[in-house]
């Protein structure tokens, strides 16, 4: 079955296409067509503001940010990891974040541990410091005595 003759999109010659979606008569016209199509597409794309960064709301922290890629959904690496982890666990991102904050609440920070230690051992630390201070004063006064000086004169 012979196909219906059509006109080439580039040179306008009539030809019988070899396949159903052929639009050009030759390889040369085809190359020209591809270049023309790429140029027109580039012009179309750059004439709109699509290539500029678009403002997006982060899925995890709900902060607004400028996306650097068309499919970017999170504002930072940390939010990206949280998003991936929530998908792995097949729970919503908000449920994942709640779970993470509960985990963090279980563990005390270094500052909290230091405060607890100081409050618990304050009396012991004060007594130890007084003892060290008395020992230091005694050592200094002995050194002055050996030199034949009076500690009280230099206090």
Foldseek 3Di string as FASTA:
>chain_A
DWADWDAAPQPRDIDGDPDDPDRHDDPVSVVVVVVVVVVVVVCVVVVDCVQPFDWAQAQAPRDIDTDPDPPDRHDDPVSVVLVVVCVVVVHGSVVSVVVVVVVVVVDDDPVVVVVVVCVVCVVVVVVVVVVVVVVVLVVVQVVCVVVVHGPVVVD
